[in-house]
């Protein structure tokens, strides 16, 4: 059995756009990522609740009154920070591009590269 590898954070190639405004695409991408996470969490919570009901364990009221200690709170805060980093990854990529001076839209950058390549071929 193989161990799953870690996926790369940045995909190669052009990001597909489905709406006229790329910002709408970014929001839809973030919402779909969140929807996937919520679906997985729902399934896991449903499984846990069914296992607790079958095998005995704390009642649902205990879940409502639970207060995490400092260690648990810190662990949850670290997870939240990581999770939000993933959700906001698309925004971070845009900010990185802008801060590195790469403010040209993707299409203009591709056109410049293609035109430069044609110019080199014509010189030969």
PDB file of N, CA and C in Angstrom:
ATOM      1  N   UNK A   1       0.852  -1.187   0.000  1.00  0.00           N
ATOM      2  CA  UNK A   1       0.000   0.000   0.000  1.00  0.00           C
ATOM      3  C   UNK A   1       0.887   1.235   0.000  1.00  0.00           C
ATOM      4  N   UNK A   2       0.606   2.157  -0.884  1.00  0.00           N
ATOM      5  CA  UNK A   2       1.441   3.346  -0.980  1.00  0.00           C
ATOM      6  C   UNK A   2       0.917   4.453  -0.081  1.00  0.00           C
ATOM      7  N   UNK A   3       1.826   5.321   0.304  1.00  0.00           N
ATOM      8  CA  UNK A   3       1.476   6.470   1.129  1.00  0.00           C
ATOM      9  C   UNK A   3       1.148   7.636   0.206  1.00  0.00           C
ATOM     10  N   UNK A   4       0.035   8.313   0.436  1.00  0.00           N
ATOM     11  CA  UNK A   4      -0.292   9.440  -0.443  1.00  0.00           C
ATOM     12  C   UNK A   4       0.745  10.541  -0.311  1.00  0.00           C
ATOM     13  N   UNK A   5       1.144  11.115  -1.443  1.00  0.00           N
ATOM     14  CA  UNK A   5       2.113  12.201  -1.434  1.00  0.00           C
ATOM     15  C   UNK A   5       1.439  13.522  -1.147  1.00  0.00           C
ATOM     16  N   UNK A   6       2.242  14.495  -0.782  1.00  0.00           N
ATOM     17  CA  UNK A   6       1.705  15.827  -0.507  1.00  0.00           C
ATOM     18  C   UNK A   6       1.519  16.562  -1.830  1.00  0.00           C
ATOM     19  N   UNK A   7       0.353  17.159  -2.003  1.00  0.00           N
ATOM     20  CA  UNK A   7       0.068  17.895  -3.224  1.00  0.00           C
ATOM     21  C   UNK A   7       0.804  19.226  -3.225  1.00  0.00           C
ATOM     22  N   UNK A   8       1.185  19.653  -4.418  1.00  0.00           N
ATOM     23  CA  UNK A   8       1.845  20.949  -4.548  1.00  0.00           C
ATOM     24  C   UNK A   8       0.837  22.051  -4.272  1.00  0.00           C
ATOM     25  N   UNK A   9       1.307  23.144  -3.676  1.00  0.00           N
ATOM     26  CA  UNK A   9       0.419  24.257  -3.326  1.00  0.00           C
ATOM     27  C   UNK A   9       0.005  25.066  -4.552  1.00  0.00           C
ATOM     28  N   UNK A  10       0.844  25.084  -5.579  1.00  0.00           N
ATOM     29  CA  UNK A  10       0.531  25.882  -6.762  1.00  0.00           C
ATOM     30  C   UNK A  10       0.452  24.957  -7.977  1.00  0.00           C
ATOM     31  N   UNK A  11      -0.650  25.031  -8.678  1.00  0.00           N
ATOM     32  CA  UNK A  11      -0.814  24.243  -9.895  1.00  0.00           C
ATOM     33  C   UNK A  11      -0.076  24.923 -11.040  1.00  0.00           C
ATOM     34  N   UNK A  12       0.422  24.112 -11.964  1.00  0.00           N
ATOM     35  CA  UNK A  12       1.081  24.674 -13.138  1.00  0.00           C
ATOM     36  C   UNK A  12       0.029  25.007 -14.177  1.00  0.00           C
ATOM     37  N   UNK A  13       0.323  25.982 -14.993  1.00  0.00           N
ATOM     38  CA  UNK A  13      -0.590  26.341 -16.063  1.00  0.00           C
ATOM     39  C   UNK A  13      -1.527  27.466 -15.672  1.00  0.00           C
ATOM     40  N   UNK A  14      -2.339  27.820 -16.653  1.00  0.00           N
ATOM     41  CA  UNK A  14      -3.261  28.937 -16.467  1.00  0.00           C
ATOM     42  C   UNK A  14      -4.456  28.521 -15.627  1.00  0.00           C
ATOM     43  N   UNK A  15      -4.844  29.390 -14.719  1.00  0.00           N
ATOM     44  CA  UNK A  15      -6.043  29.150 -13.910  1.00  0.00           C
ATOM     45  C   UNK A  15      -7.257  29.421 -14.793  1.00  0.00           C
ATOM     46  N   UNK A  16      -8.182  28.456 -14.870  1.00  0.00           N
ATOM     47  CA  UNK A  16      -9.371  28.702 -15.693  1.00  0.00           C
ATOM     48  C   UNK A  16     -10.291  29.732 -15.040  1.00  0.00           C
ATOM     49  N   UNK A  17     -10.854  30.594 -15.852  1.00  0.00           N
ATOM     50  CA  UNK A  17     -11.816  31.577 -15.368  1.00  0.00           C
ATOM     51  C   UNK A  17     -13.168  31.287 -16.010  1.00  0.00           C
ATOM     52  N   UNK A  18     -14.221  31.328 -15.212  1.00  0.00           N
ATOM     53  CA  UNK A  18     -15.551  31.015 -15.694  1.00  0.00           C
ATOM     54  C   UNK A  18     -16.466  32.237 -15.712  1.00  0.00           C
ATOM     55  N   UNK A  19     -16.089  33.286 -14.999  1.00  0.00           N
ATOM     56  CA  UNK A  19     -16.891  34.500 -14.926  1.00  0.00           C
ATOM     57  C   UNK A  19     -16.103  35.654 -15.528  1.00  0.00           C
ATOM     58  N   UNK A  20     -16.805  36.702 -15.924  1.00  0.00           N
ATOM     59  CA  UNK A  20     -16.135  37.868 -16.498  1.00  0.00           C
ATOM     60  C   UNK A  20     -15.213  38.536 -15.492  1.00  0.00           C
ATOM     61  N   UNK A  21     -15.590  38.518 -14.243  1.00  0.00           N
ATOM     62  CA  UNK A  21     -14.785  39.124 -13.179  1.00  0.00           C
ATOM     63  C   UNK A  21     -13.992  38.027 -12.468  1.00  0.00           C
ATOM     64  N   UNK A  22     -12.655  38.042 -12.552  1.00  0.00           N
ATOM     65  CA  UNK A  22     -11.854  36.997 -11.898  1.00  0.00           C
ATOM     66  C   UNK A  22     -12.040  36.956 -10.383  1.00  0.00           C
ATOM     67  N   UNK A  23     -12.477  38.068  -9.797  1.00  0.00           N
ATOM     68  CA  UNK A  23     -12.721  38.062  -8.351  1.00  0.00           C
ATOM     69  C   UNK A  23     -13.872  37.127  -7.993  1.00  0.00           C
ATOM     70  N   UNK A  24     -14.865  37.035  -8.868  1.00  0.00           N
ATOM     71  CA  UNK A  24     -15.967  36.099  -8.621  1.00  0.00           C
ATOM     72  C   UNK A  24     -15.438  34.675  -8.653  1.00  0.00           C
ATOM     73  N   UNK A  25     -14.541  34.383  -9.593  1.00  0.00           N
ATOM     74  CA  UNK A  25     -13.930  33.052  -9.643  1.00  0.00           C
ATOM     75  C   UNK A  25     -13.180  32.741  -8.353  1.00  0.00           C
ATOM     76  N   UNK A  26     -12.484  33.722  -7.821  1.00  0.00           N
ATOM     77  CA  UNK A  26     -11.734  33.507  -6.581  1.00  0.00           C
ATOM     78  C   UNK A  26     -12.678  33.181  -5.425  1.00  0.00           C
ATOM     79  N   UNK A  27     -13.758  33.939  -5.322  1.00  0.00           N
ATOM     80  CA  UNK A  27     -14.725  33.704  -4.243  1.00  0.00           C
ATOM     81  C   UNK A  27     -15.370  32.330  -4.401  1.00  0.00           C
ATOM     82  N   UNK A  28     -15.757  31.984  -5.624  1.00  0.00           N
ATOM     83  CA  UNK A  28     -16.357  30.669  -5.860  1.00  0.00           C
ATOM     84  C   UNK A  28     -15.371  29.571  -5.494  1.00  0.00           C
ATOM     85  N   UNK A  29     -14.105  29.751  -5.842  1.00  0.00           N
ATOM     86  CA  UNK A  29     -13.079  28.763  -5.501  1.00  0.00           C
ATOM     87  C   UNK A  29     -12.966  28.585  -3.991  1.00  0.00           C
ATOM     88  N   UNK A  30     -12.968  29.690  -3.256  1.00  0.00           N
ATOM     89  CA  UNK A  30     -12.887  29.595  -1.794  1.00  0.00           C
ATOM     90  C   UNK A  30     -14.133  28.936  -1.214  1.00  0.00           C
ATOM     91  N   UNK A  31     -15.306  29.299  -1.732  1.00  0.00           N
ATOM     92  CA  UNK A  31     -16.555  28.710  -1.231  1.00  0.00           C
ATOM     93  C   UNK A  31     -16.581  27.208  -1.505  1.00  0.00           C
ATOM     94  N   UNK A  32     -16.143  26.797  -2.684  1.00  0.00           N
ATOM     95  CA  UNK A  32     -16.139  25.368  -3.005  1.00  0.00           C
ATOM     96  C   UNK A  32     -15.149  24.613  -2.117  1.00  0.00           C
ATOM     97  N   UNK A  33     -14.012  25.221  -1.822  1.00  0.00           N
ATOM     98  CA  UNK A  33     -13.072  24.600  -0.889  1.00  0.00           C
ATOM     99  C   UNK A  33     -13.687  24.431   0.486  1.00  0.00           C
ATOM    100  N   UNK A  34     -14.374  25.463   0.949  1.00  0.00           N
ATOM    101  CA  UNK A  34     -15.055  25.385   2.244  1.00  0.00           C
ATOM    102  C   UNK A  34     -16.170  24.347   2.225  1.00  0.00           C
ATOM    103  N   UNK A  35     -16.920  24.285   1.128  1.00  0.00           N
ATOM    104  CA  UNK A  35     -18.003  23.303   1.024  1.00  0.00           C
ATOM    105  C   UNK A  35     -17.452  21.886   1.122  1.00  0.00           C
ATOM    106  N   UNK A  36     -16.319  21.634   0.499  1.00  0.00           N
ATOM    107  CA  UNK A  36     -15.688  20.319   0.597  1.00  0.00           C
ATOM    108  C   UNK A  36     -15.291  19.993   2.022  1.00  0.00           C
ATOM    109  N   UNK A  37     -14.713  20.966   2.708  1.00  0.00           N
ATOM    110  CA  UNK A  37     -14.322  20.758   4.107  1.00  0.00           C
ATOM    111  C   UNK A  37     -15.539  20.491   4.983  1.00  0.00           C
ATOM    112  N   UNK A  38     -16.614  21.254   4.785  1.00  0.00           N
ATOM    113  CA  UNK A  38     -17.833  21.070   5.581  1.00  0.00           C
ATOM    114  C   UNK A  38     -18.415  19.685   5.337  1.00  0.00           C
ATOM    115  N   UNK A  39     -18.410  19.217   4.099  1.00  0.00           N
ATOM    116  CA  UNK A  39     -18.945  17.886   3.791  1.00  0.00           C
ATOM    117  C   UNK A  39     -18.155  16.800   4.514  1.00  0.00           C
ATOM    118  N   UNK A  40     -16.840  16.910   4.516  1.00  0.00           N
ATOM    119  CA  UNK A  40     -16.003  15.926   5.209  1.00  0.00           C
ATOM    120  C   UNK A  40     -16.258  15.985   6.711  1.00  0.00           C
ATOM    121  N   UNK A  41     -16.316  17.183   7.264  1.00  0.00           N
ATOM    122  CA  UNK A  41     -16.583  17.322   8.698  1.00  0.00           C
ATOM    123  C   UNK A  41     -17.954  16.766   9.070  1.00  0.00           C
ATOM    124  N   UNK A  42     -18.949  16.993   8.231  1.00  0.00           N
ATOM    125  CA  UNK A  42     -20.284  16.459   8.488  1.00  0.00           C
ATOM    126  C   UNK A  42     -20.245  14.936   8.550  1.00  0.00           C
ATOM    127  N   UNK A  43     -19.573  14.310   7.582  1.00  0.00           N
ATOM    128  CA  UNK A  43     -19.489  12.849   7.570  1.00  0.00           C
ATOM    129  C   UNK A  43     -18.769  12.317   8.805  1.00  0.00           C
ATOM    130  N   UNK A  44     -17.680  12.965   9.183  1.00  0.00           N
ATOM    131  CA  UNK A  44     -16.930  12.515  10.366  1.00  0.00           C
ATOM    132  C   UNK A  44     -17.759  12.685  11.638  1.00  0.00           C
ATOM    133  N   UNK A  45     -18.439  13.810  11.774  1.00  0.00           N
ATOM    134  CA  UNK A  45     -19.268  14.048  12.953  1.00  0.00           C
ATOM    135  C   UNK A  45     -20.417  13.042  13.011  1.00  0.00           C
ATOM    136  N   UNK A  46     -21.034  12.779  11.873  1.00  0.00           N
ATOM    137  CA  UNK A  46     -22.111  11.793  11.816  1.00  0.00           C
ATOM    138  C   UNK A  46     -21.596  10.417  12.250  1.00  0.00           C
ATOM    139  N   UNK A  47     -20.419  10.040  11.772  1.00  0.00           N
ATOM    140  CA  UNK A  47     -19.822   8.754  12.158  1.00  0.00           C
ATOM    141  C   UNK A  47     -19.573   8.703  13.659  1.00  0.00           C
ATOM    142  N   UNK A  48     -18.984   9.753  14.205  1.00  0.00           N
ATOM    143  CA  UNK A  48     -18.707   9.786  15.646  1.00  0.00           C
ATOM    144  C   UNK A  48     -19.991   9.705  16.466  1.00  0.00           C
ATOM    145  N   UNK A  49     -21.007  10.450  16.067  1.00  0.00           N
ATOM    146  CA  UNK A  49     -22.272  10.416  16.808  1.00  0.00           C
ATOM    147  C   UNK A  49     -22.902   9.026  16.761  1.00  0.00           C
ATOM    148  N   UNK A  50     -22.820   8.347  15.638  1.00  0.00           N
ATOM    149  CA  UNK A  50     -23.375   6.998  15.528  1.00  0.00           C
ATOM    150  C   UNK A  50     -22.577   6.003  16.370  1.00  0.00           C
ATOM    151  N   UNK A  51     -21.253   6.143  16.371  1.00  0.00           N
ATOM    152  CA  UNK A  51     -20.422   5.251  17.189  1.00  0.00           C
ATOM    153  C   UNK A  51     -20.673   5.470  18.676  1.00  0.00           C
ATOM    154  N   UNK A  52     -20.801   6.715  19.088  1.00  0.00           N
ATOM    155  CA  UNK A  52     -21.093   7.016  20.495  1.00  0.00           C
ATOM    156  C   UNK A  52     -22.448   6.435  20.880  1.00  0.00           C
ATOM    157  N   UNK A  53     -23.438   6.568  20.005  1.00  0.00           N
ATOM    158  CA  UNK A  53     -24.771   6.026  20.302  1.00  0.00           C
ATOM    159  C   UNK A  53     -24.739   4.498  20.404  1.00  0.00           C
ATOM    160  N   UNK A  54     -23.944   3.849  19.551  1.00  0.00           N
ATOM    161  CA  UNK A  54     -23.857   2.381  19.564  1.00  0.00           C
ATOM    162  C   UNK A  54     -23.098   1.854  20.770  1.00  0.00           C
ATOM    163  N   UNK A  55     -22.003   2.503  21.114  1.00  0.00           N
ATOM    164  CA  UNK A  55     -21.089   1.978  22.132  1.00  0.00           C
ATOM    165  C   UNK A  55     -21.176   2.701  23.466  1.00  0.00           C
ATOM    166  N   UNK A  56     -22.020   3.661  23.567  1.00  0.00           N
ATOM    167  CA  UNK A  56     -22.124   4.422  24.814  1.00  0.00           C
ATOM    168  C   UNK A  56     -21.035   5.474  24.879  1.00  0.00           C
ATOM    169  N   UNK A  57     -21.283   6.502  25.576  1.00  0.00           N
ATOM    170  CA  UNK A  57     -20.317   7.586  25.693  1.00  0.00           C
ATOM    171  C   UNK A  57     -21.029   8.826  26.165  1.00  0.00           C
ATOM    172  N   UNK A  58     -20.354   9.943  26.068  1.00  0.00           N
ATOM    173  CA  UNK A  58     -20.968  11.178  26.562  1.00  0.00           C
ATOM    174  C   UNK A  58     -22.223  11.534  25.770  1.00  0.00           C
ATOM    175  N   UNK A  59     -23.171  12.099  26.466  1.00  0.00           N
ATOM    176  CA  UNK A  59     -24.414  12.542  25.832  1.00  0.00           C
ATOM    177  C   UNK A  59     -24.151  13.823  25.047  1.00  0.00           C
ATOM    178  N   UNK A  60     -25.049  14.155  24.161  1.00  0.00           N
ATOM    179  CA  UNK A  60     -24.896  15.382  23.369  1.00  0.00           C
ATOM    180  C   UNK A  60     -24.811  16.622  24.255  1.00  0.00           C
ATOM    181  N   UNK A  61     -25.467  16.590  25.387  1.00  0.00           N
ATOM    182  CA  UNK A  61     -25.414  17.734  26.310  1.00  0.00           C
ATOM    183  C   UNK A  61     -23.985  17.977  26.783  1.00  0.00           C
ATOM    184  N   UNK A  62     -23.208  16.902  26.936  1.00  0.00           N
ATOM    185  CA  UNK A  62     -21.811  17.054  27.350  1.00  0.00           C
ATOM    186  C   UNK A  62     -21.010  17.799  26.284  1.00  0.00           C
ATOM    187  N   UNK A  63     -21.350  17.578  25.021  1.00  0.00           N
ATOM    188  CA  UNK A  63     -20.676  18.308  23.942  1.00  0.00           C
ATOM    189  C   UNK A  63     -20.994  19.797  24.009  1.00  0.00           C
ATOM    190  N   UNK A  64     -22.223  20.111  24.371  1.00  0.00           N
ATOM    191  CA  UNK A  64     -22.644  21.512  24.438  1.00  0.00           C
ATOM    192  C   UNK A  64     -21.984  22.274  25.581  1.00  0.00           C
ATOM    193  N   UNK A  65     -21.654  21.584  26.656  1.00  0.00           N
ATOM    194  CA  UNK A  65     -21.097  22.258  27.835  1.00  0.00           C
ATOM    195  C   UNK A  65     -19.579  22.122  27.945  1.00  0.00           C
ATOM    196  N   UNK A  66     -18.957  21.404  27.026  1.00  0.00           N
ATOM    197  CA  UNK A  66     -17.500  21.192  27.068  1.00  0.00           C
ATOM    198  C   UNK A  66     -16.763  22.511  26.890  1.00  0.00           C
ATOM    199  N   UNK A  67     -15.749  22.724  27.709  1.00  0.00           N
ATOM    200  CA  UNK A  67     -14.880  23.893  27.601  1.00  0.00           C
ATOM    201  C   UNK A  67     -13.440  23.396  27.492  1.00  0.00           C
ATOM    202  N   UNK A  68     -12.762  23.705  26.380  1.00  0.00           N
ATOM    203  CA  UNK A  68     -11.395  23.207  26.194  1.00  0.00           C
ATOM    204  C   UNK A  68     -10.407  23.869  27.153  1.00  0.00           C
ATOM    205  N   UNK A  69      -9.382  23.078  27.539  1.00  0.00           N
ATOM    206  CA  UNK A  69      -8.321  23.658  28.364  1.00  0.00           C
ATOM    207  C   UNK A  69      -7.359  24.432  27.450  1.00  0.00           C
ATOM    208  N   UNK A  70      -6.325  25.015  28.036  1.00  0.00           N
ATOM    209  CA  UNK A  70      -5.407  25.878  27.280  1.00  0.00           C
ATOM    210  C   UNK A  70      -4.689  25.118  26.167  1.00  0.00           C
ATOM    211  N   UNK A  71      -4.299  23.875  26.422  1.00  0.00           N
ATOM    212  CA  UNK A  71      -3.593  23.081  25.413  1.00  0.00           C
ATOM    213  C   UNK A  71      -4.495  22.799  24.217  1.00  0.00           C
ATOM    214  N   UNK A  72      -5.722  22.403  24.501  1.00  0.00           N
ATOM    215  CA  UNK A  72      -6.678  22.124  23.427  1.00  0.00           C
ATOM    216  C   UNK A  72      -6.994  23.412  22.667  1.00  0.00           C
ATOM    217  N   UNK A  73      -7.179  24.504  23.385  1.00  0.00           N
ATOM    218  CA  UNK A  73      -7.476  25.789  22.740  1.00  0.00           C
ATOM    219  C   UNK A  73      -6.331  26.207  21.814  1.00  0.00           C
ATOM    220  N   UNK A  74      -5.088  26.018  22.261  1.00  0.00           N
ATOM    221  CA  UNK A  74      -3.928  26.371  21.434  1.00  0.00           C
ATOM    222  C   UNK A  74      -3.852  25.480  20.193  1.00  0.00           C
ATOM    223  N   UNK A  75      -4.128  24.203  20.368  1.00  0.00           N
ATOM    224  CA  UNK A  75      -4.117  23.269  19.243  1.00  0.00           C
ATOM    225  C   UNK A  75      -5.178  23.650  18.216  1.00  0.00           C
ATOM    226  N   UNK A  76      -6.354  23.994  18.695  1.00  0.00           N
ATOM    227  CA  UNK A  76      -7.430  24.401  17.790  1.00  0.00           C
ATOM    228  C   UNK A  76      -7.087  25.705  17.072  1.00  0.00           C
ATOM    229  N   UNK A  77      -6.468  26.629  17.774  1.00  0.00           N
ATOM    230  CA  UNK A  77      -6.085  27.900  17.156  1.00  0.00           C
ATOM    231  C   UNK A  77      -5.059  27.668  16.044  1.00  0.00           C
ATOM    232  N   UNK A  78      -4.106  26.767  16.279  1.00  0.00           N
ATOM    233  CA  UNK A  78      -3.105  26.444  15.256  1.00  0.00           C
ATOM    234  C   UNK A  78      -3.766  25.813  14.035  1.00  0.00           C
ATOM    235  N   UNK A  79      -4.713  24.916  14.282  1.00  0.00           N
ATOM    236  CA  UNK A  79      -5.424  24.284  13.169  1.00  0.00           C
ATOM    237  C   UNK A  79      -6.206  25.317  12.374  1.00  0.00           C
ATOM    238  N   UNK A  80      -6.899  26.215  13.071  1.00  0.00           N
ATOM    239  CA  UNK A  80      -7.687  27.257  12.401  1.00  0.00           C
ATOM    240  C   UNK A  80      -6.802  28.130  11.519  1.00  0.00           C
ATOM    241  N   UNK A  81      -5.629  28.483  12.035  1.00  0.00           N
ATOM    242  CA  UNK A  81      -4.713  29.318  11.263  1.00  0.00           C
ATOM    243  C   UNK A  81      -4.284  28.603   9.979  1.00  0.00           C
ATOM    244  N   UNK A  82      -3.960  27.327  10.094  1.00  0.00           N
ATOM    245  CA  UNK A  82      -3.577  26.540   8.928  1.00  0.00           C
ATOM    246  C   UNK A  82      -4.739  26.419   7.945  1.00  0.00           C
ATOM    247  N   UNK A  83      -5.913  26.143   8.467  1.00  0.00           N
ATOM    248  CA  UNK A  83      -7.104  25.988   7.636  1.00  0.00           C
ATOM    249  C   UNK A  83      -7.417  27.278   6.884  1.00  0.00           C
ATOM    250  N   UNK A  84      -7.402  28.400   7.585  1.00  0.00           N
ATOM    251  CA  UNK A  84      -7.681  29.678   6.933  1.00  0.00           C
ATOM    252  C   UNK A  84      -6.617  30.009   5.890  1.00  0.00           C
ATOM    253  N   UNK A  85      -5.375  29.589   6.151  1.00  0.00           N
ATOM    254  CA  UNK A  85      -4.323  29.763   5.153  1.00  0.00           C
ATOM    255  C   UNK A  85      -4.649  29.032   3.867  1.00  0.00           C
ATOM    256  N   UNK A  86      -5.202  27.827   3.994  1.00  0.00           N
ATOM    257  CA  UNK A  86      -5.611  27.069   2.812  1.00  0.00           C
ATOM    258  C   UNK A  86      -6.794  27.729   2.111  1.00  0.00           C
ATOM    259  N   UNK A  87      -7.760  28.184   2.882  1.00  0.00           N
ATOM    260  CA  UNK A  87      -8.946  28.822   2.297  1.00  0.00           C
ATOM    261  C   UNK A  87      -8.547  30.099   1.560  1.00  0.00           C
ATOM    262  N   UNK A  88      -7.654  30.859   2.143  1.00  0.00           N
ATOM    263  CA  UNK A  88      -7.258  32.142   1.569  1.00  0.00           C
ATOM    264  C   UNK A  88      -6.039  32.030   0.659  1.00  0.00           C
ATOM    265  N   UNK A  89      -5.632  30.802   0.330  1.00  0.00           N
ATOM    266  CA  UNK A  89      -4.442  30.567  -0.488  1.00  0.00           C
ATOM    267  C   UNK A  89      -4.496  31.349  -1.793  1.00  0.00           C
ATOM    268  N   UNK A  90      -5.634  31.365  -2.449  1.00  0.00           N
ATOM    269  CA  UNK A  90      -5.749  32.053  -3.737  1.00  0.00           C
ATOM    270  C   UNK A  90      -5.483  33.551  -3.584  1.00  0.00           C
ATOM    271  N   UNK A  91      -5.929  34.131  -2.486  1.00  0.00           N
ATOM    272  CA  UNK A  91      -5.676  35.551  -2.232  1.00  0.00           C
ATOM    273  C   UNK A  91      -4.189  35.759  -1.946  1.00  0.00           C
ATOM    274  N   UNK A  92      -3.583  34.858  -1.181  1.00  0.00           N
ATOM    275  CA  UNK A  92      -2.157  34.966  -0.866  1.00  0.00           C
ATOM    276  C   UNK A  92      -1.305  34.897  -2.126  1.00  0.00           C
ATOM    277  N   UNK A  93      -1.683  34.034  -3.078  1.00  0.00           N
ATOM    278  CA  UNK A  93      -0.942  33.924  -4.333  1.00  0.00           C
ATOM    279  C   UNK A  93      -0.997  35.250  -5.084  1.00  0.00           C
ATOM    280  N   UNK A  94      -2.160  35.869  -5.104  1.00  0.00           N
ATOM    281  CA  UNK A  94      -2.310  37.171  -5.772  1.00  0.00           C
ATOM    282  C   UNK A  94      -1.445  38.231  -5.087  1.00  0.00           C
ATOM    283  N   UNK A  95      -1.451  38.237  -3.763  1.00  0.00           N
ATOM    284  CA  UNK A  95      -0.659  39.220  -3.012  1.00  0.00           C
ATOM    285  C   UNK A  95       0.828  38.997  -3.266  1.00  0.00           C
ATOM    286  N   UNK A  96       1.267  37.728  -3.283  1.00  0.00           N
ATOM    287  CA  UNK A  96       2.672  37.423  -3.567  1.00  0.00           C
ATOM    288  C   UNK A  96       3.071  37.945  -4.939  1.00  0.00           C
ATOM    289  N   UNK A  97       2.209  37.742  -5.928  1.00  0.00           N
ATOM    290  CA  UNK A  97       2.512  38.210  -7.280  1.00  0.00           C
ATOM    291  C   UNK A  97       2.622  39.728  -7.316  1.00  0.00           C
ATOM    292  N   UNK A  98       1.722  40.406  -6.622  1.00  0.00           N
ATOM    293  CA  UNK A  98       1.753  41.867  -6.602  1.00  0.00           C
ATOM    294  C   UNK A  98       2.977  42.383  -5.858  1.00  0.00           C
ATOM    295  N   UNK A  99       3.341  41.752  -4.743  1.00  0.00           N
ATOM    296  CA  UNK A  99       4.473  42.240  -3.957  1.00  0.00           C
ATOM    297  C   UNK A  99       5.806  41.956  -4.637  1.00  0.00           C
ATOM    298  N   UNK A 100       5.831  40.970  -5.544  1.00  0.00           N
ATOM    299  CA  UNK A 100       7.073  40.679  -6.252  1.00  0.00           C
ATOM    300  C   UNK A 100       7.233  41.557  -7.486  1.00  0.00           C
ATOM    301  N   UNK A 101       6.284  42.447  -7.700  1.00  0.00           N
ATOM    302  CA  UNK A 101       6.354  43.338  -8.845  1.00  0.00           C
ATOM    303  C   UNK A 101       5.692  42.767 -10.082  1.00  0.00           C
ATOM    304  N   UNK A 102       5.157  41.576  -9.985  1.00  0.00           N
ATOM    305  CA  UNK A 102       4.491  40.924 -11.112  1.00  0.00           C
ATOM    306  C   UNK A 102       3.025  41.339 -11.118  1.00  0.00           C
ATOM    307  N   UNK A 103       2.768  42.540 -11.618  1.00  0.00           N
ATOM    308  CA  UNK A 103       1.397  43.055 -11.592  1.00  0.00           C
ATOM    309  C   UNK A 103       0.688  42.917 -12.931  1.00  0.00           C
ATOM    310  N   UNK A 104       1.396  42.419 -13.951  1.00  0.00           N
ATOM    311  CA  UNK A 104       0.750  42.226 -15.245  1.00  0.00           C
ATOM    312  C   UNK A 104      -0.279  41.118 -15.147  1.00  0.00           C
ATOM    313  N   UNK A 105      -1.393  41.294 -15.815  1.00  0.00           N
ATOM    314  CA  UNK A 105      -2.341  40.188 -15.878  1.00  0.00           C
ATOM    315  C   UNK A 105      -1.698  38.991 -16.567  1.00  0.00           C
ATOM    316  N   UNK A 106      -2.152  37.832 -16.230  1.00  0.00           N
ATOM    317  CA  UNK A 106      -1.571  36.592 -16.735  1.00  0.00           C
ATOM    318  C   UNK A 106      -1.545  36.573 -18.263  1.00  0.00           C
ATOM    319  N   UNK A 107      -2.636  36.985 -18.888  1.00  0.00           N
ATOM    320  CA  UNK A 107      -2.735  36.941 -20.342  1.00  0.00           C
ATOM    321  C   UNK A 107      -1.676  37.821 -20.998  1.00  0.00           C
ATOM    322  N   UNK A 108      -1.409  38.987 -20.435  1.00  0.00           N
ATOM    323  CA  UNK A 108      -0.392  39.879 -20.986  1.00  0.00           C
ATOM    324  C   UNK A 108       0.994  39.267 -20.854  1.00  0.00           C
ATOM    325  N   UNK A 109       1.244  38.600 -19.751  1.00  0.00           N
ATOM    326  CA  UNK A 109       2.541  37.963 -19.552  1.00  0.00           C
ATOM    327  C   UNK A 109       2.755  36.855 -20.581  1.00  0.00           C
ATOM    328  N   UNK A 110       1.735  36.043 -20.823  1.00  0.00           N
ATOM    329  CA  UNK A 110       1.838  34.974 -21.816  1.00  0.00           C
ATOM    330  C   UNK A 110       2.069  35.563 -23.205  1.00  0.00           C
ATOM    331  N   UNK A 111       1.330  36.618 -23.542  1.00  0.00           N
ATOM    332  CA  UNK A 111       1.491  37.258 -24.851  1.00  0.00           C
ATOM    333  C   UNK A 111       2.912  37.784 -25.021  1.00  0.00           C
ATOM    334  N   UNK A 112       3.466  38.379 -23.987  1.00  0.00           N
ATOM    335  CA  UNK A 112       4.829  38.901 -24.054  1.00  0.00           C
ATOM    336  C   UNK A 112       5.828  37.777 -24.287  1.00  0.00           C
ATOM    337  N   UNK A 113       5.656  36.663 -23.602  1.00  0.00           N
ATOM    338  CA  UNK A 113       6.558  35.521 -23.769  1.00  0.00           C
ATOM    339  C   UNK A 113       6.429  34.962 -25.183  1.00  0.00           C
ATOM    340  N   UNK A 114       5.195  34.806 -25.659  1.00  0.00           N
ATOM    341  CA  UNK A 114       4.986  34.271 -27.006  1.00  0.00           C
ATOM    342  C   UNK A 114       5.573  35.198 -28.062  1.00  0.00           C
ATOM    343  N   UNK A 115       5.366  36.491 -27.921  1.00  0.00           N
ATOM    344  CA  UNK A 115       5.905  37.445 -28.894  1.00  0.00           C
ATOM    345  C   UNK A 115       7.422  37.469 -28.855  1.00  0.00           C
ATOM    346  N   UNK A 116       8.017  37.362 -27.690  1.00  0.00           N
ATOM    347  CA  UNK A 116       9.466  37.331 -27.550  1.00  0.00           C
ATOM    348  C   UNK A 116      10.024  36.094 -28.246  1.00  0.00           C
ATOM    349  N   UNK A 117       9.344  34.968 -28.090  1.00  0.00           N
ATOM    350  CA  UNK A 117       9.777  33.732 -28.745  1.00  0.00           C
ATOM    351  C   UNK A 117       9.720  33.846 -30.256  1.00  0.00           C
ATOM    352  N   UNK A 118       8.672  34.468 -30.784  1.00  0.00           N
ATOM    353  CA  UNK A 118       8.550  34.672 -32.232  1.00  0.00           C
ATOM    354  C   UNK A 118       9.671  35.580 -32.736  1.00  0.00           C
ATOM    355  N   UNK A 119       9.957  36.637 -31.982  1.00  0.00           N
ATOM    356  CA  UNK A 119      11.012  37.571 -32.386  1.00  0.00           C
ATOM    357  C   UNK A 119      12.357  36.857 -32.451  1.00  0.00           C
ATOM    358  N   UNK A 120      12.650  35.974 -31.496  1.00  0.00           N
ATOM    359  CA  UNK A 120      13.913  35.226 -31.497  1.00  0.00           C
ATOM    360  C   UNK A 120      13.988  34.295 -32.707  1.00  0.00           C
ATOM    361  N   UNK A 121      12.877  33.618 -33.015  1.00  0.00           N
ATOM    362  CA  UNK A 121      12.871  32.686 -34.150  1.00  0.00           C
ATOM    363  C   UNK A 121      13.064  33.440 -35.463  1.00  0.00           C
ATOM    364  N   UNK A 122      12.508  34.648 -35.565  1.00  0.00           N
ATOM    365  CA  UNK A 122      12.627  35.426 -36.799  1.00  0.00           C
ATOM    366  C   UNK A 122      14.046  35.939 -37.002  1.00  0.00           C
ATOM    367  N   UNK A 123      14.798  36.192 -35.927  1.00  0.00           N
ATOM    368  CA  UNK A 123      16.173  36.679 -36.026  1.00  0.00           C
ATOM    369  C   UNK A 123      17.101  35.604 -36.564  1.00  0.00           C
ATOM    370  N   UNK A 124      16.784  34.342 -36.318  1.00  0.00           N
ATOM    371  CA  UNK A 124      17.677  33.242 -36.726  1.00  0.00           C
ATOM    372  C   UNK A 124      17.644  32.985 -38.183  1.00  0.00           C
TER     373      UNK A 124
END
